Every structure is written in structure tokens, then in C-alpha cells.
Amino acid sequence: DNLLFAYFEYIGDDFAADMAKMAADPTTQEWWQVCTPLQDPLPTRAEGEWWATMDEVFHTD
């Protein structure tokens, strides 16, 4: 279905602040300008959300 997903493990204390810092980074903004036109967000995403949150199906270490 041409789905793209990302996986990461967050290590920090303030997710929202860290994501805001990343979003303010000029290099990140340049990368998003390249990638954004190549993506079609899912219609089921929350309002204002570009990426839809996925539920974890299984976890293994």
C-alpha cells in the first residue's frame, strides 16, 4: 500500500520541547522541504498531525 513508517526510541525528559527544538533546526527544515512533497498523510490521522501514531503490535529486546 506504499506505506512509510518510522521507528525511534526517545531518551529524554521533555518530548514536546525536544521535538520543538528539532523542528526549529534549519537542517531539519531543509530536509522536510525535500521529503514533504513525497508524502501523503493518512486520512485517519488526528487533526494537525502529519504522521499518524501507530499502536505497538509486539516488542522484543
PDB file of N, CA and C in Angstrom:
ATOM      1  N   ASP A   1       0.807  -1.203   0.000  1.00  0.00           N
ATOM      2  CA  ASP A   1       0.000   0.000   0.000  1.00  0.00           C
ATOM      3  C   ASP A   1       0.851   1.269   0.000  1.00  0.00           C
ATOM      4  N   ASN A   2       2.132   1.135  -0.257  1.00  0.00           N
ATOM      5  CA  ASN A   2       3.038   2.294  -0.276  1.00  0.00           C
ATOM      6  C   ASN A   2       3.039   3.054   1.041  1.00  0.00           C
ATOM      7  N   LEU A   3       3.124   2.323   2.143  1.00  0.00           N
ATOM      8  CA  LEU A   3       3.131   2.950   3.459  1.00  0.00           C
ATOM      9  C   LEU A   3       4.561   3.170   3.936  1.00  0.00           C
ATOM     10  N   LEU A   4       4.798   4.295   4.535  1.00  0.00           N
ATOM     11  CA  LEU A   4       6.084   4.642   5.114  1.00  0.00           C
ATOM     12  C   LEU A   4       5.881   4.789   6.610  1.00  0.00           C
ATOM     13  N   PHE A   5       6.778   4.190   7.387  1.00  0.00           N
ATOM     14  CA  PHE A   5       6.692   4.397   8.827  1.00  0.00           C
ATOM     15  C   PHE A   5       8.086   4.624   9.379  1.00  0.00           C
ATOM     16  N   ALA A   6       8.134   5.221  10.532  1.00  0.00           N
ATOM     17  CA  ALA A   6       9.400   5.486  11.204  1.00  0.00           C
ATOM     18  C   ALA A   6       9.344   4.874  12.595  1.00  0.00           C
ATOM     19  N   TYR A   7      10.500   4.494  13.069  1.00  0.00           N
ATOM     20  CA  TYR A   7      10.611   3.936  14.413  1.00  0.00           C
ATOM     21  C   TYR A   7      11.758   4.652  15.113  1.00  0.00           C
ATOM     22  N   PHE A   8      11.541   5.043  16.341  1.00  0.00           N
ATOM     23  CA  PHE A   8      12.631   5.584  17.142  1.00  0.00           C
ATOM     24  C   PHE A   8      12.319   5.354  18.608  1.00  0.00           C
ATOM     25  N   GLU A   9      13.367   5.328  19.408  1.00  0.00           N
ATOM     26  CA  GLU A   9      13.222   5.234  20.858  1.00  0.00           C
ATOM     27  C   GLU A   9      13.668   6.569  21.432  1.00  0.00           C
ATOM     28  N   TYR A  10      12.793   7.197  22.168  1.00  0.00           N
ATOM     29  CA  TYR A  10      13.073   8.510  22.740  1.00  0.00           C
ATOM     30  C   TYR A  10      13.734   8.350  24.100  1.00  0.00           C
ATOM     31  N   ILE A  11      14.844   9.043  24.277  1.00  0.00           N
ATOM     32  CA  ILE A  11      15.529   9.080  25.572  1.00  0.00           C
ATOM     33  C   ILE A  11      15.635  10.549  25.949  1.00  0.00           C
ATOM     34  N   GLY A  12      14.864  10.959  26.900  1.00  0.00           N
ATOM     35  CA  GLY A  12      14.864  12.361  27.306  1.00  0.00           C
ATOM     36  C   GLY A  12      13.812  12.591  28.368  1.00  0.00           C
ATOM     37  N   ASP A  13      13.635  13.840  28.720  1.00  0.00           N
ATOM     38  CA  ASP A  13      12.703  14.184  29.790  1.00  0.00           C
ATOM     39  C   ASP A  13      11.522  15.032  29.326  1.00  0.00           C
ATOM     40  N   ASP A  14      11.646  15.677  28.178  1.00  0.00           N
ATOM     41  CA  ASP A  14      10.591  16.580  27.714  1.00  0.00           C
ATOM     42  C   ASP A  14      10.412  16.401  26.207  1.00  0.00           C
ATOM     43  N   PHE A  15       9.580  15.439  25.832  1.00  0.00           N
ATOM     44  CA  PHE A  15       9.400  15.081  24.426  1.00  0.00           C
ATOM     45  C   PHE A  15       8.950  16.280  23.598  1.00  0.00           C
ATOM     46  N   ALA A  16       7.953  17.010  24.077  1.00  0.00           N
ATOM     47  CA  ALA A  16       7.421  18.146  23.311  1.00  0.00           C
ATOM     48  C   ALA A  16       8.496  19.206  23.075  1.00  0.00           C
ATOM     49  N   ALA A  17       9.263  19.527  24.099  1.00  0.00           N
ATOM     50  CA  ALA A  17      10.321  20.535  23.956  1.00  0.00           C
ATOM     51  C   ALA A  17      11.413  20.049  23.010  1.00  0.00           C
ATOM     52  N   ASP A  18      11.764  18.784  23.108  1.00  0.00           N
ATOM     53  CA  ASP A  18      12.799  18.240  22.229  1.00  0.00           C
ATOM     54  C   ASP A  18      12.336  18.200  20.777  1.00  0.00           C
ATOM     55  N   MET A  19      11.072  17.882  20.546  1.00  0.00           N
ATOM     56  CA  MET A  19      10.550  17.877  19.178  1.00  0.00           C
ATOM     57  C   MET A  19      10.481  19.302  18.622  1.00  0.00           C
ATOM     58  N   ALA A  20      10.147  20.271  19.480  1.00  0.00           N
ATOM     59  CA  ALA A  20      10.118  21.673  19.052  1.00  0.00           C
ATOM     60  C   ALA A  20      11.524  22.151  18.689  1.00  0.00           C
ATOM     61  N   LYS A  21      12.507  21.733  19.470  1.00  0.00           N
ATOM     62  CA  LYS A  21      13.900  22.092  19.175  1.00  0.00           C
ATOM     63  C   LYS A  21      14.327  21.494  17.835  1.00  0.00           C
ATOM     64  N   MET A  22      13.962  20.246  17.602  1.00  0.00           N
ATOM     65  CA  MET A  22      14.297  19.605  16.336  1.00  0.00           C
ATOM     66  C   MET A  22      13.609  20.324  15.172  1.00  0.00           C
ATOM     67  N   ALA A  23      12.349  20.690  15.354  1.00  0.00           N
ATOM     68  CA  ALA A  23      11.593  21.363  14.297  1.00  0.00           C
ATOM     69  C   ALA A  23      12.159  22.746  13.980  1.00  0.00           C
ATOM     70  N   ALA A  24      12.823  23.370  14.941  1.00  0.00           N
ATOM     71  CA  ALA A  24      13.404  24.696  14.733  1.00  0.00           C
ATOM     72  C   ALA A  24      14.772  24.636  14.051  1.00  0.00           C
ATOM     73  N   ASP A  25      15.338  23.454  13.941  1.00  0.00           N
ATOM     74  CA  ASP A  25      16.664  23.280  13.350  1.00  0.00           C
ATOM     75  C   ASP A  25      16.620  23.530  11.839  1.00  0.00           C
ATOM     76  N   PRO A  26      17.446  24.434  11.314  1.00  0.00           N
ATOM     77  CA  PRO A  26      17.408  24.751   9.878  1.00  0.00           C
ATOM     78  C   PRO A  26      17.679  23.549   8.970  1.00  0.00           C
ATOM     79  N   THR A  27      18.577  22.666   9.361  1.00  0.00           N
ATOM     80  CA  THR A  27      18.867  21.489   8.533  1.00  0.00           C
ATOM     81  C   THR A  27      17.669  20.558   8.488  1.00  0.00           C
ATOM     82  N   THR A  28      16.999  20.393   9.621  1.00  0.00           N
ATOM     83  CA  THR A  28      15.790  19.571   9.655  1.00  0.00           C
ATOM     84  C   THR A  28      14.713  20.185   8.768  1.00  0.00           C
ATOM     85  N   GLN A  29      14.561  21.497   8.831  1.00  0.00           N
ATOM     86  CA  GLN A  29      13.566  22.175   7.997  1.00  0.00           C
ATOM     87  C   GLN A  29      13.866  21.997   6.513  1.00  0.00           C
ATOM     88  N   GLU A  30      15.136  22.045   6.129  1.00  0.00           N
ATOM     89  CA  GLU A  30      15.509  21.806   4.731  1.00  0.00           C
ATOM     90  C   GLU A  30      15.149  20.384   4.311  1.00  0.00           C
ATOM     91  N   TRP A  31      15.432  19.426   5.190  1.00  0.00           N
ATOM     92  CA  TRP A  31      15.125  18.025   4.884  1.00  0.00           C
ATOM     93  C   TRP A  31      13.621  17.831   4.723  1.00  0.00           C
ATOM     94  N   TRP A  32      12.841  18.450   5.589  1.00  0.00           N
ATOM     95  CA  TRP A  32      11.384  18.337   5.493  1.00  0.00           C
ATOM     96  C   TRP A  32      10.872  18.939   4.183  1.00  0.00           C
ATOM     97  N   GLN A  33      11.497  20.014   3.716  1.00  0.00           N
ATOM     98  CA  GLN A  33      11.082  20.615   2.440  1.00  0.00           C
ATOM     99  C   GLN A  33      11.306  19.654   1.280  1.00  0.00           C
ATOM    100  N   VAL A  34      12.342  18.837   1.378  1.00  0.00           N
ATOM    101  CA  VAL A  34      12.611  17.837   0.343  1.00  0.00           C
ATOM    102  C   VAL A  34      11.615  16.684   0.441  1.00  0.00           C
ATOM    103  N   CYS A  35      11.368  16.210   1.657  1.00  0.00           N
ATOM    104  CA  CYS A  35      10.565  14.996   1.868  1.00  0.00           C
ATOM    105  C   CYS A  35       9.054  15.214   1.839  1.00  0.00           C
ATOM    106  N   THR A  36       8.592  16.339   2.332  1.00  0.00           N
ATOM    107  CA  THR A  36       7.153  16.560   2.481  1.00  0.00           C
ATOM    108  C   THR A  36       6.360  16.375   1.187  1.00  0.00           C
ATOM    109  N   PRO A  37       6.825  16.874   0.044  1.00  0.00           N
ATOM    110  CA  PRO A  37       6.037  16.676  -1.183  1.00  0.00           C
ATOM    111  C   PRO A  37       5.937  15.211  -1.621  1.00  0.00           C
ATOM    112  N   LEU A  38       6.785  14.358  -1.063  1.00  0.00           N
ATOM    113  CA  LEU A  38       6.792  12.944  -1.436  1.00  0.00           C
ATOM    114  C   LEU A  38       5.872  12.107  -0.559  1.00  0.00           C
ATOM    115  N   GLN A  39       5.232  12.735   0.411  1.00  0.00           N
ATOM    116  CA  GLN A  39       4.413  12.008   1.376  1.00  0.00           C
ATOM    117  C   GLN A  39       2.946  12.410   1.267  1.00  0.00           C
ATOM    118  N   ASP A  40       2.086  11.426   1.409  1.00  0.00           N
ATOM    119  CA  ASP A  40       0.647  11.659   1.502  1.00  0.00           C
ATOM    120  C   ASP A  40       0.205  11.200   2.881  1.00  0.00           C
ATOM    121  N   PRO A  41      -0.173  12.119   3.767  1.00  0.00           N
ATOM    122  CA  PRO A  41      -0.585  11.707   5.107  1.00  0.00           C
ATOM    123  C   PRO A  41      -1.848  10.856   5.061  1.00  0.00           C
ATOM    124  N   LEU A  42      -1.962   9.954   6.025  1.00  0.00           N
ATOM    125  CA  LEU A  42      -3.134   9.085   6.100  1.00  0.00           C
ATOM    126  C   LEU A  42      -4.382   9.891   6.432  1.00  0.00           C
ATOM    127  N   PRO A  43      -5.508   9.547   5.849  1.00  0.00           N
ATOM    128  CA  PRO A  43      -6.741  10.268   6.161  1.00  0.00           C
ATOM    129  C   PRO A  43      -7.216  10.025   7.594  1.00  0.00           C
ATOM    130  N   THR A  44      -6.692   9.005   8.253  1.00  0.00           N
ATOM    131  CA  THR A  44      -7.117   8.676   9.618  1.00  0.00           C
ATOM    132  C   THR A  44      -6.292   9.387  10.682  1.00  0.00           C
ATOM    133  N   ARG A  45      -5.351  10.226  10.286  1.00  0.00           N
ATOM    134  CA  ARG A  45      -4.510  10.903  11.274  1.00  0.00           C
ATOM    135  C   ARG A  45      -5.338  11.929  12.046  1.00  0.00           C
ATOM    136  N   ALA A  46      -4.857  12.294  13.209  1.00  0.00           N
ATOM    137  CA  ALA A  46      -5.534  13.313  14.012  1.00  0.00           C
ATOM    138  C   ALA A  46      -5.362  14.682  13.349  1.00  0.00           C
ATOM    139  N   GLU A  47      -6.281  15.590  13.619  1.00  0.00           N
ATOM    140  CA  GLU A  47      -6.203  16.928  13.039  1.00  0.00           C
ATOM    141  C   GLU A  47      -4.903  17.606  13.463  1.00  0.00           C
ATOM    142  N   GLY A  48      -4.215  18.194  12.512  1.00  0.00           N
ATOM    143  CA  GLY A  48      -2.949  18.855  12.789  1.00  0.00           C
ATOM    144  C   GLY A  48      -1.759  17.915  12.858  1.00  0.00           C
ATOM    145  N   GLU A  49      -1.991  16.638  12.695  1.00  0.00           N
ATOM    146  CA  GLU A  49      -0.929  15.637  12.791  1.00  0.00           C
ATOM    147  C   GLU A  49      -0.461  15.263  11.385  1.00  0.00           C
ATOM    148  N   TRP A  50       0.840  15.304  11.131  1.00  0.00           N
ATOM    149  CA  TRP A  50       1.346  14.878   9.829  1.00  0.00           C
ATOM    150  C   TRP A  50       1.522  13.371   9.829  1.00  0.00           C
ATOM    151  N   TRP A  51       2.201  12.872  10.835  1.00  0.00           N
ATOM    152  CA  TRP A  51       2.381  11.430  10.981  1.00  0.00           C
ATOM    153  C   TRP A  51       1.281  10.885  11.874  1.00  0.00           C
ATOM    154  N   ALA A  52       0.732   9.748  11.517  1.00  0.00           N
ATOM    155  CA  ALA A  52      -0.269   9.093  12.357  1.00  0.00           C
ATOM    156  C   ALA A  52       0.451   8.195  13.356  1.00  0.00           C
ATOM    157  N   THR A  53       0.027   8.223  14.588  1.00  0.00           N
ATOM    158  CA  THR A  53       0.618   7.381  15.615  1.00  0.00           C
ATOM    159  C   THR A  53       0.168   5.942  15.420  1.00  0.00           C
ATOM    160  N   MET A  54       1.111   5.022  15.539  1.00  0.00           N
ATOM    161  CA  MET A  54       0.797   3.597  15.397  1.00  0.00           C
ATOM    162  C   MET A  54       0.803   2.941  16.772  1.00  0.00           C
ATOM    163  N   ASP A  55      -0.036   1.935  16.942  1.00  0.00           N
ATOM    164  CA  ASP A  55      -0.007   1.138  18.161  1.00  0.00           C
ATOM    165  C   ASP A  55       1.079   0.081  18.032  1.00  0.00           C
ATOM    166  N   GLU A  56       1.801  -0.150  19.118  1.00  0.00           N
ATOM    167  CA  GLU A  56       2.826  -1.193  19.131  1.00  0.00           C
ATOM    168  C   GLU A  56       2.148  -2.557  19.070  1.00  0.00           C
ATOM    169  N   VAL A  57       2.567  -3.381  18.137  1.00  0.00           N
ATOM    170  CA  VAL A  57       1.971  -4.706  17.961  1.00  0.00           C
ATOM    171  C   VAL A  57       2.703  -5.725  18.818  1.00  0.00           C
ATOM    172  N   PHE A  58       4.024  -5.664  18.817  1.00  0.00           N
ATOM    173  CA  PHE A  58       4.817  -6.518  19.691  1.00  0.00           C
ATOM    174  C   PHE A  58       6.136  -5.828  19.967  1.00  0.00           C
ATOM    175  N   HIS A  59       6.813  -6.268  21.002  1.00  0.00           N
ATOM    176  CA  HIS A  59       8.087  -5.676  21.396  1.00  0.00           C
ATOM    177  C   HIS A  59       9.036  -6.792  21.792  1.00  0.00           C
ATOM    178  N   THR A  60      10.261  -6.689  21.332  1.00  0.00           N
ATOM    179  CA  THR A  60      11.286  -7.652  21.732  1.00  0.00           C
ATOM    180  C   THR A  60      12.604  -6.909  21.917  1.00  0.00           C
ATOM    181  N   ASP A  61      13.375  -7.326  22.878  1.00  0.00           N
ATOM    182  CA  ASP A  61      14.697  -6.715  23.122  1.00  0.00           C
ATOM    183  C   ASP A  61      15.788  -7.663  22.689  1.00  0.00           C
TER     184      ASP A  61
END
